[in-house]
N, C-alpha and C. Protein backbone atom coordinates (compact mmCIF):
# COMPACT_ATOMS: atom_id res chain seq x y z
N MET A 1 -21.47 17.10 -11.37
CA MET A 1 -22.30 15.96 -11.83
C MET A 1 -21.67 15.03 -13.01
N LEU A 2 -21.36 15.80 -13.90
CA LEU A 2 -20.91 15.35 -15.22
C LEU A 2 -19.55 14.51 -14.74
N ILE A 3 -18.47 14.74 -14.13
CA ILE A 3 -17.35 14.29 -13.64
C ILE A 3 -17.66 13.09 -12.83
N ALA A 4 -18.96 12.97 -11.92
CA ALA A 4 -19.06 11.90 -11.07
C ALA A 4 -19.57 10.92 -11.93
N SER A 5 -20.61 11.02 -13.17
CA SER A 5 -20.92 10.24 -13.99
C SER A 5 -19.70 9.50 -14.81
N LYS A 6 -18.69 10.33 -15.31
CA LYS A 6 -17.49 9.71 -15.75
C LYS A 6 -17.04 8.52 -14.94
N TRP A 7 -16.83 9.12 -13.66
CA TRP A 7 -16.21 8.11 -12.93
C TRP A 7 -16.81 6.86 -12.71
N VAL A 8 -17.77 6.97 -12.48
CA VAL A 8 -18.85 5.74 -12.39
C VAL A 8 -18.67 4.66 -13.51
N ILE A 9 -19.13 5.39 -14.63
CA ILE A 9 -18.75 4.58 -15.94
C ILE A 9 -17.30 3.86 -16.17
N LEU A 10 -16.70 4.96 -15.89
CA LEU A 10 -15.01 4.23 -15.81
C LEU A 10 -14.97 2.97 -14.83
N ILE A 11 -15.46 3.28 -13.56
CA ILE A 11 -15.07 2.42 -12.62
C ILE A 11 -16.03 1.08 -13.16
N THR A 12 -17.20 1.36 -13.75
CA THR A 12 -17.98 0.10 -13.94
C THR A 12 -17.48 -0.80 -15.32
N ILE A 13 -16.73 0.11 -16.19
CA ILE A 13 -16.25 -0.88 -17.18
C ILE A 13 -15.05 -1.34 -16.70
N VAL A 14 -14.04 -0.56 -16.08
CA VAL A 14 -13.00 -1.51 -15.53
C VAL A 14 -13.38 -2.59 -14.57
N MET A 15 -14.42 -2.41 -13.96
CA MET A 15 -14.70 -3.75 -13.27
C MET A 15 -15.19 -4.69 -13.71
N LEU A 16 -16.01 -4.18 -14.81
CA LEU A 16 -16.61 -5.32 -15.38
C LEU A 16 -15.41 -5.99 -16.22
N SER A 17 -14.51 -5.51 -16.95
CA SER A 17 -13.65 -5.99 -17.78
C SER A 17 -12.54 -7.13 -16.72
N LEU A 18 -12.24 -6.59 -15.49
CA LEU A 18 -11.76 -7.29 -14.76
C LEU A 18 -12.20 -8.85 -14.34
N VAL A 19 -13.95 -8.98 -13.99
CA VAL A 19 -14.57 -10.10 -13.81
C VAL A 19 -14.46 -10.90 -15.00
N LEU A 20 -14.84 -10.22 -16.25
CA LEU A 20 -14.75 -10.92 -17.37
C LEU A 20 -13.41 -11.65 -17.73
N THR A 21 -12.48 -10.75 -17.72
CA THR A 21 -11.09 -11.41 -17.60
C THR A 21 -10.61 -12.71 -16.73
N SER A 22 -11.35 -12.53 -15.43
CA SER A 22 -11.22 -13.51 -14.19
C SER A 22 -11.77 -14.66 -14.92
N LEU A 23 -12.92 -14.51 -15.30
CA LEU A 23 -13.71 -15.96 -15.81
C LEU A 23 -13.11 -16.52 -17.18
N ILE A 24 -12.79 -15.58 -18.04
CA ILE A 24 -11.96 -16.28 -19.09
C ILE A 24 -10.70 -16.89 -18.70
N ILE A 25 -9.94 -16.49 -17.59
CA ILE A 25 -8.70 -17.05 -17.35
C ILE A 25 -9.00 -18.40 -16.57
N GLY A 26 -10.08 -18.34 -15.67
CA GLY A 26 -10.77 -19.20 -15.02
C GLY A 26 -10.91 -20.32 -15.39
N VAL A 27 -11.91 -20.05 -16.51
CA VAL A 27 -12.09 -21.05 -17.45
C VAL A 27 -10.97 -21.93 -18.57
N GLY A 28 -10.27 -20.93 -18.83
CA GLY A 28 -8.99 -21.64 -19.65
C GLY A 28 -8.19 -22.36 -18.91
N TRP A 29 -7.72 -22.23 -17.65
CA TRP A 29 -7.09 -22.99 -16.64
C TRP A 29 -7.82 -24.18 -16.24
N SER A 30 -9.05 -24.19 -16.18
CA SER A 30 -10.01 -25.42 -15.97
C SER A 30 -9.96 -26.33 -17.25
N VAL A 31 -10.35 -25.63 -18.42
CA VAL A 31 -10.01 -26.60 -19.59
C VAL A 31 -8.70 -27.15 -19.56
N THR A 32 -7.68 -26.40 -19.45
CA THR A 32 -6.41 -26.92 -19.74
C THR A 32 -5.92 -28.33 -18.62
N HIS A 33 -6.57 -27.98 -17.35
CA HIS A 33 -6.32 -29.06 -16.39
C HIS A 33 -7.05 -30.31 -16.59
N HIS A 34 -8.31 -30.04 -17.24
CA HIS A 34 -9.50 -31.22 -17.55
C HIS A 34 -9.00 -31.96 -18.65
N ILE A 35 -8.18 -31.09 -19.74
CA ILE A 35 -7.52 -32.04 -21.05
C ILE A 35 -6.51 -32.71 -20.60
N HIS A 36 -5.41 -32.12 -19.75
CA HIS A 36 -4.54 -33.29 -19.27
C HIS A 36 -4.59 -34.01 -17.85
N ASP A 37 -5.73 -34.01 -17.32
CA ASP A 37 -6.39 -34.81 -16.15
C ASP A 37 -5.55 -34.33 -15.09
N LEU A 38 -5.50 -33.25 -14.93
CA LEU A 38 -4.74 -32.65 -13.61
C LEU A 38 -5.91 -32.02 -12.60
N PRO A 39 -5.49 -32.36 -11.44
CA PRO A 39 -6.25 -31.65 -10.52
C PRO A 39 -6.55 -30.07 -10.33
N PHE A 40 -7.44 -29.69 -10.31
CA PHE A 40 -7.67 -28.04 -10.26
C PHE A 40 -7.96 -27.42 -9.25
N GLY A 41 -7.00 -26.83 -8.17
CA GLY A 41 -7.30 -26.36 -7.29
C GLY A 41 -8.00 -26.93 -6.04
N PRO A 42 -8.36 -26.48 -4.99
CA PRO A 42 -9.17 -27.32 -3.89
C PRO A 42 -10.49 -27.75 -4.18
N ALA A 43 -10.95 -28.76 -3.45
CA ALA A 43 -12.25 -29.29 -3.55
C ALA A 43 -13.27 -27.78 -3.29
N TRP A 44 -14.20 -27.75 -3.92
CA TRP A 44 -15.33 -26.75 -3.82
C TRP A 44 -16.05 -27.19 -2.51
N SER A 45 -16.21 -26.08 -1.67
CA SER A 45 -16.90 -26.29 -0.49
C SER A 45 -17.21 -24.80 -0.09
N GLY A 46 -17.93 -24.83 0.97
CA GLY A 46 -18.72 -23.69 1.32
C GLY A 46 -17.51 -22.65 1.60
N GLU A 47 -16.52 -23.16 2.60
CA GLU A 47 -15.04 -22.45 3.25
C GLU A 47 -14.55 -21.96 2.18
N VAL A 48 -14.39 -22.81 1.22
CA VAL A 48 -13.31 -22.32 0.10
C VAL A 48 -14.10 -21.24 -0.89
N LEU A 49 -15.20 -21.34 -1.06
CA LEU A 49 -16.12 -20.39 -1.73
C LEU A 49 -16.33 -19.00 -1.08
N VAL A 50 -16.16 -19.01 0.36
CA VAL A 50 -16.47 -17.72 1.03
C VAL A 50 -15.04 -17.07 0.88
N ASP A 51 -13.83 -18.07 1.14
CA ASP A 51 -12.67 -17.39 1.19
C ASP A 51 -12.39 -16.68 -0.26
N PHE A 52 -12.71 -17.43 -1.29
CA PHE A 52 -12.27 -17.21 -2.63
C PHE A 52 -13.09 -15.72 -2.88
N ILE A 53 -14.27 -15.53 -2.58
CA ILE A 53 -15.20 -14.30 -2.79
C ILE A 53 -14.42 -13.17 -1.81
N LYS A 54 -14.35 -13.47 -0.55
CA LYS A 54 -13.74 -12.52 0.06
C LYS A 54 -12.10 -11.91 -0.67
N LEU A 55 -11.31 -12.83 -0.87
CA LEU A 55 -10.07 -12.42 -1.30
C LEU A 55 -10.32 -11.98 -2.87
N TYR A 56 -11.31 -12.26 -3.53
CA TYR A 56 -11.61 -11.56 -5.01
C TYR A 56 -12.33 -10.25 -4.47
N ALA A 57 -13.03 -10.22 -3.60
CA ALA A 57 -13.63 -8.57 -3.49
C ALA A 57 -12.41 -7.52 -2.85
N GLN A 58 -11.58 -8.23 -2.22
CA GLN A 58 -10.51 -7.23 -1.53
C GLN A 58 -9.63 -6.81 -2.74
N THR A 59 -9.35 -7.85 -3.58
CA THR A 59 -8.32 -7.37 -4.96
C THR A 59 -9.08 -6.69 -5.76
N MET A 60 -10.57 -6.62 -6.02
CA MET A 60 -11.18 -5.46 -6.50
C MET A 60 -11.31 -4.07 -6.19
N LEU A 61 -11.37 -4.23 -4.87
CA LEU A 61 -11.47 -3.22 -4.17
C LEU A 61 -10.10 -2.21 -4.39
N ILE A 62 -8.93 -3.17 -3.96
CA ILE A 62 -7.54 -2.51 -4.34
C ILE A 62 -7.42 -2.03 -5.73
N GLY A 63 -7.78 -2.70 -6.48
CA GLY A 63 -7.99 -2.27 -8.02
C GLY A 63 -8.75 -1.15 -8.33
N LEU A 64 -9.90 -0.99 -7.51
CA LEU A 64 -10.70 0.18 -7.49
C LEU A 64 -9.85 1.33 -6.93
N PHE A 65 -9.43 1.40 -6.17
CA PHE A 65 -8.43 2.30 -5.24
C PHE A 65 -7.48 2.69 -6.29
N SER A 66 -6.56 1.75 -6.77
CA SER A 66 -5.86 2.02 -7.56
C SER A 66 -6.00 2.82 -8.73
N LEU A 67 -7.31 2.22 -9.38
CA LEU A 67 -7.84 2.93 -10.56
C LEU A 67 -8.26 4.54 -10.22
N MET A 68 -8.57 4.70 -9.04
CA MET A 68 -9.11 6.00 -8.54
C MET A 68 -7.90 7.11 -8.53
N ILE A 69 -6.69 6.48 -8.10
CA ILE A 69 -5.32 7.11 -7.81
C ILE A 69 -4.92 7.82 -9.03
N LEU A 70 -4.98 6.50 -10.06
CA LEU A 70 -4.36 7.00 -11.42
C LEU A 70 -5.43 7.76 -12.20
N GLY A 71 -6.72 7.81 -11.90
CA GLY A 71 -7.59 8.86 -12.44
C GLY A 71 -7.44 10.01 -12.14
N GLY A 72 -7.19 10.40 -10.85
CA GLY A 72 -7.02 11.54 -10.27
C GLY A 72 -5.64 12.16 -10.60
N PHE A 73 -4.55 11.46 -10.93
CA PHE A 73 -3.56 11.91 -11.61
C PHE A 73 -3.93 12.54 -12.97
N ALA A 74 -4.73 11.67 -13.72
CA ALA A 74 -4.94 12.07 -15.08
C ALA A 74 -5.80 13.28 -15.22
N ALA A 75 -6.57 13.42 -14.19
CA ALA A 75 -7.60 14.43 -14.18
C ALA A 75 -6.84 15.84 -13.68
N LEU A 76 -6.09 15.76 -12.57
CA LEU A 76 -5.18 16.94 -12.32
C LEU A 76 -4.25 17.19 -13.33
N SER A 77 -3.81 16.30 -13.99
CA SER A 77 -2.68 16.67 -15.04
C SER A 77 -3.62 17.27 -16.15
N ALA A 78 -5.02 16.89 -16.55
CA ALA A 78 -5.60 17.62 -17.44
C ALA A 78 -6.11 18.94 -17.17
N MET A 79 -6.32 19.19 -15.93
CA MET A 79 -6.69 20.45 -15.52
C MET A 79 -5.39 21.38 -15.37
N VAL A 80 -4.28 21.04 -15.59
CA VAL A 80 -3.08 21.64 -15.29
C VAL A 80 -2.55 22.19 -16.68
N THR A 81 -2.78 21.26 -17.42
CA THR A 81 -2.41 21.30 -18.90
C THR A 81 -3.27 22.09 -19.92
N ARG A 82 -4.70 21.77 -19.20
CA ARG A 82 -5.69 22.10 -19.98
C ARG A 82 -6.06 21.41 -21.30
N SER A 83 -5.28 20.19 -21.44
CA SER A 83 -5.42 19.46 -22.62
C SER A 83 -5.82 18.10 -22.22
N ILE A 84 -6.58 17.33 -23.05
CA ILE A 84 -6.82 15.79 -22.85
C ILE A 84 -5.62 15.11 -22.76
N LEU A 85 -4.86 15.43 -24.13
CA LEU A 85 -3.70 14.59 -24.72
C LEU A 85 -2.77 14.65 -23.45
N GLY A 86 -2.50 15.85 -22.78
CA GLY A 86 -1.56 16.25 -21.88
C GLY A 86 -1.77 15.53 -20.82
N GLY A 87 -3.26 15.64 -20.34
CA GLY A 87 -3.68 14.88 -19.01
C GLY A 87 -3.23 13.64 -19.07
N LEU A 88 -3.57 12.57 -20.09
CA LEU A 88 -3.30 11.33 -20.57
C LEU A 88 -1.93 10.96 -20.48
N LEU A 89 -1.01 11.98 -21.16
CA LEU A 89 0.67 11.82 -21.04
C LEU A 89 1.07 11.90 -19.75
N LEU A 90 0.61 13.04 -19.23
CA LEU A 90 1.15 13.13 -17.67
C LEU A 90 0.69 12.01 -16.87
N GLY A 91 -0.65 11.66 -17.00
CA GLY A 91 -1.38 10.67 -15.84
C GLY A 91 -0.46 9.31 -16.14
N PHE A 92 -0.16 9.21 -17.40
CA PHE A 92 0.79 7.90 -17.77
C PHE A 92 2.11 8.09 -17.39
N PHE A 93 2.58 9.19 -17.43
CA PHE A 93 4.12 9.26 -16.90
C PHE A 93 3.92 9.29 -15.27
N PHE A 94 2.90 9.73 -14.56
CA PHE A 94 3.02 9.79 -13.20
C PHE A 94 2.74 8.16 -12.55
N SER A 95 1.90 7.44 -13.64
CA SER A 95 1.80 5.87 -13.13
C SER A 95 2.98 5.20 -13.49
N VAL A 96 3.75 5.52 -14.32
CA VAL A 96 5.03 4.84 -14.62
C VAL A 96 6.18 5.23 -13.50
N ILE A 97 6.17 6.43 -13.20
CA ILE A 97 6.94 7.15 -12.10
C ILE A 97 6.80 6.14 -10.74
N ASP A 98 5.49 6.16 -10.53
CA ASP A 98 5.08 5.54 -9.21
C ASP A 98 5.59 4.01 -9.05
N ALA A 99 5.05 3.62 -10.31
CA ALA A 99 5.58 2.10 -10.30
C ALA A 99 7.23 1.75 -10.27
N MET A 100 7.78 2.86 -10.80
CA MET A 100 9.42 2.65 -10.73
C MET A 100 9.91 3.36 -9.52
N SER A 101 9.17 3.82 -8.72
CA SER A 101 9.77 4.57 -7.34
C SER A 101 10.55 3.90 -6.43
N LEU A 102 10.17 2.49 -6.19
CA LEU A 102 11.25 1.59 -5.21
C LEU A 102 12.43 1.51 -5.94
N GLY A 103 12.56 1.06 -7.20
CA GLY A 103 13.76 0.86 -7.94
C GLY A 103 14.75 2.37 -8.03
N ALA A 104 13.75 3.57 -8.35
CA ALA A 104 14.66 4.62 -8.61
C ALA A 104 15.10 4.98 -7.01
N LEU A 105 14.23 4.80 -5.87
CA LEU A 105 14.79 5.15 -4.56
C LEU A 105 16.04 4.30 -4.05
N LEU A 106 15.77 3.09 -4.56
CA LEU A 106 16.92 2.19 -4.23
C LEU A 106 18.16 2.62 -4.85
N PHE A 107 17.93 3.04 -6.02
CA PHE A 107 19.54 3.63 -6.98
C PHE A 107 19.92 4.56 -6.12
N PHE A 108 19.23 5.61 -6.01
CA PHE A 108 19.67 6.93 -5.37
C PHE A 108 20.17 6.65 -4.20
N ARG A 109 19.29 5.70 -3.18
CA ARG A 109 19.78 5.75 -2.24
C ARG A 109 21.46 5.12 -2.00
N ASN A 110 21.57 4.09 -2.86
CA ASN A 110 23.09 3.47 -2.88
C ASN A 110 23.88 4.51 -3.77
N LEU A 111 23.25 5.40 -4.49
CA LEU A 111 24.45 6.32 -5.26
C LEU A 111 24.78 7.71 -4.21
N LEU A 112 23.81 7.81 -3.84
CA LEU A 112 24.27 9.36 -2.87
C LEU A 112 24.37 8.81 -1.45
N GLN A 113 24.37 7.37 -1.14
CA GLN A 113 24.77 6.98 0.21
C GLN A 113 23.75 7.64 1.37
N VAL A 114 22.56 7.68 1.21
CA VAL A 114 21.87 8.35 2.04
C VAL A 114 20.57 7.19 2.37
N PRO A 115 20.78 6.26 3.68
CA PRO A 115 20.01 5.11 3.91
C PRO A 115 18.55 5.39 4.04
N GLU A 116 18.33 6.64 4.21
CA GLU A 116 16.83 7.20 4.96
C GLU A 116 16.00 7.43 3.58
N LEU A 117 16.54 7.64 2.63
CA LEU A 117 15.98 7.90 1.19
C LEU A 117 14.78 7.09 0.93
N ILE A 118 15.31 5.59 1.30
CA ILE A 118 14.17 4.55 1.02
C ILE A 118 12.74 5.03 1.62
N ASN A 119 12.98 5.43 3.13
CA ASN A 119 11.65 5.71 3.65
C ASN A 119 10.94 6.52 2.80
N LEU A 120 11.28 7.41 1.96
CA LEU A 120 10.44 8.30 0.96
C LEU A 120 9.13 7.18 0.19
N TYR A 121 9.46 6.11 0.07
CA TYR A 121 8.83 5.14 -0.66
C TYR A 121 7.28 4.99 -0.09
N GLN A 122 7.05 5.17 1.46
CA GLN A 122 5.87 4.96 2.25
C GLN A 122 5.05 5.89 1.86
N TYR A 123 5.33 7.13 1.00
CA TYR A 123 4.38 8.02 0.60
C TYR A 123 3.84 7.82 -0.67
N THR A 124 4.12 6.95 -1.41
CA THR A 124 3.96 6.41 -2.75
C THR A 124 2.53 5.66 -2.75
N PRO A 125 1.56 5.84 -3.92
CA PRO A 125 0.49 5.17 -3.96
C PRO A 125 0.68 3.54 -3.91
N THR A 126 1.73 3.21 -4.62
CA THR A 126 2.12 1.64 -4.81
C THR A 126 2.57 1.28 -3.52
N TYR A 127 2.90 1.60 -2.81
CA TYR A 127 3.29 1.37 -1.46
C TYR A 127 2.19 0.97 -0.58
N ASN A 128 1.25 2.26 -0.50
CA ASN A 128 -0.09 2.28 0.22
C ASN A 128 -0.92 1.25 -0.51
N MET A 129 -1.08 0.75 -1.61
CA MET A 129 -1.82 -0.21 -2.13
C MET A 129 -1.23 -1.64 -1.69
N ASP A 130 -0.18 -1.76 -1.63
CA ASP A 130 0.36 -3.01 -1.15
C ASP A 130 0.29 -3.20 -0.08
N ASN A 131 0.33 -2.03 0.94
CA ASN A 131 0.14 -2.21 2.32
C ASN A 131 -1.29 -2.63 2.76
N LEU A 132 -2.06 -2.00 1.65
CA LEU A 132 -3.59 -2.31 2.22
C LEU A 132 -3.65 -3.80 1.90
N ARG A 133 -3.29 -4.22 0.85
CA ARG A 133 -3.37 -5.74 0.44
C ARG A 133 -2.84 -6.58 1.35
N HIS A 134 -1.74 -6.03 2.11
CA HIS A 134 -1.01 -6.61 3.01
C HIS A 134 -1.88 -6.89 4.40
N TRP A 135 -2.52 -5.74 4.52
CA TRP A 135 -3.53 -5.61 6.02
C TRP A 135 -4.47 -6.81 5.60
N PHE A 136 -5.09 -6.57 4.27
CA PHE A 136 -6.16 -7.52 3.89
C PHE A 136 -5.78 -9.16 4.10
N ILE A 137 -4.82 -9.48 3.84
CA ILE A 137 -4.48 -10.92 3.62
C ILE A 137 -3.74 -11.43 5.14
N HIS A 138 -2.90 -10.34 5.46
CA HIS A 138 -2.09 -10.91 6.85
C HIS A 138 -2.35 -10.25 8.18
N GLY A 139 -3.44 -9.24 7.99
CA GLY A 139 -3.84 -8.57 9.25
C GLY A 139 -2.75 -7.67 9.74
N SER A 140 -1.75 -7.22 9.14
CA SER A 140 -0.63 -6.15 9.79
C SER A 140 0.00 -5.65 8.48
N ALA A 141 0.96 -4.45 8.94
CA ALA A 141 1.26 -3.47 7.80
C ALA A 141 2.57 -4.59 7.18
N ASN A 142 2.70 -3.91 6.07
CA ASN A 142 4.04 -4.40 5.18
C ASN A 142 5.39 -3.41 5.62
N THR A 143 6.12 -3.78 6.34
CA THR A 143 7.27 -3.19 6.65
C THR A 143 8.41 -3.78 6.10
N ILE A 144 8.50 -4.58 5.73
CA ILE A 144 9.44 -5.21 5.04
C ILE A 144 9.36 -5.07 3.42
N VAL A 145 10.21 -4.01 2.86
CA VAL A 145 9.85 -3.74 1.59
C VAL A 145 11.47 -3.96 0.73
N ALA A 146 11.99 -3.28 1.82
CA ALA A 146 13.55 -3.28 1.12
C ALA A 146 14.62 -3.00 2.29
N PRO A 147 15.70 -3.39 2.13
CA PRO A 147 16.70 -3.18 3.23
C PRO A 147 16.75 -1.93 3.69
N GLY A 148 16.61 -1.49 4.87
CA GLY A 148 16.81 -0.09 5.47
C GLY A 148 15.33 0.48 5.51
N PHE A 149 14.41 -0.06 4.93
CA PHE A 149 12.88 0.57 5.19
C PHE A 149 12.49 0.31 6.29
N THR A 150 12.04 1.57 7.09
CA THR A 150 11.78 1.50 8.59
C THR A 150 10.33 2.26 8.82
N ALA A 151 9.43 1.85 7.88
CA ALA A 151 8.02 2.57 7.91
C ALA A 151 7.41 1.79 9.11
N GLU A 152 6.52 2.48 10.17
CA GLU A 152 6.07 1.91 11.27
C GLU A 152 4.35 1.53 10.91
N PRO A 153 3.87 0.80 11.21
CA PRO A 153 2.53 0.51 11.23
C PRO A 153 1.78 1.79 11.86
N SER A 154 0.93 2.60 11.08
CA SER A 154 0.23 3.45 11.60
C SER A 154 -1.07 3.23 12.15
N VAL A 155 -1.62 2.29 11.83
CA VAL A 155 -3.03 2.00 12.03
C VAL A 155 -2.73 0.47 12.91
N GLY A 156 -3.27 0.49 14.37
CA GLY A 156 -3.56 -0.74 15.03
C GLY A 156 -2.38 -0.79 16.08
């Protein structure tokens, strides 16, 4: 129960900070456009507002999933190392490795001359979150990542 409450608090704090950051950026851009007498985005209508809320909710959901994956890396690392600091460092390490995985796979594909190596990218959290975003926005899987990438849509 303690772990679940920590997850809820972490998710609440991060989602609240995302919303507040979005509001600050939105107000800042609005003020900047108003000062320079520039138009700011489309005119407000019910359709624009519904589209904005839908896209914003999808973005927050993807952010939540990413946070849960990274939190899982950190929690697993903390259990393995039996150290909070070790868990944080390994969680950070795994998140950096995940973010760099496409570049690393492209580098090793070219270095080792193994074209199929790039297909390992489909098993990374970064690809799966991007694929989820692609499904939300375009209604299809993201299969065009890099030359030679041959992941096929597994849903639909």
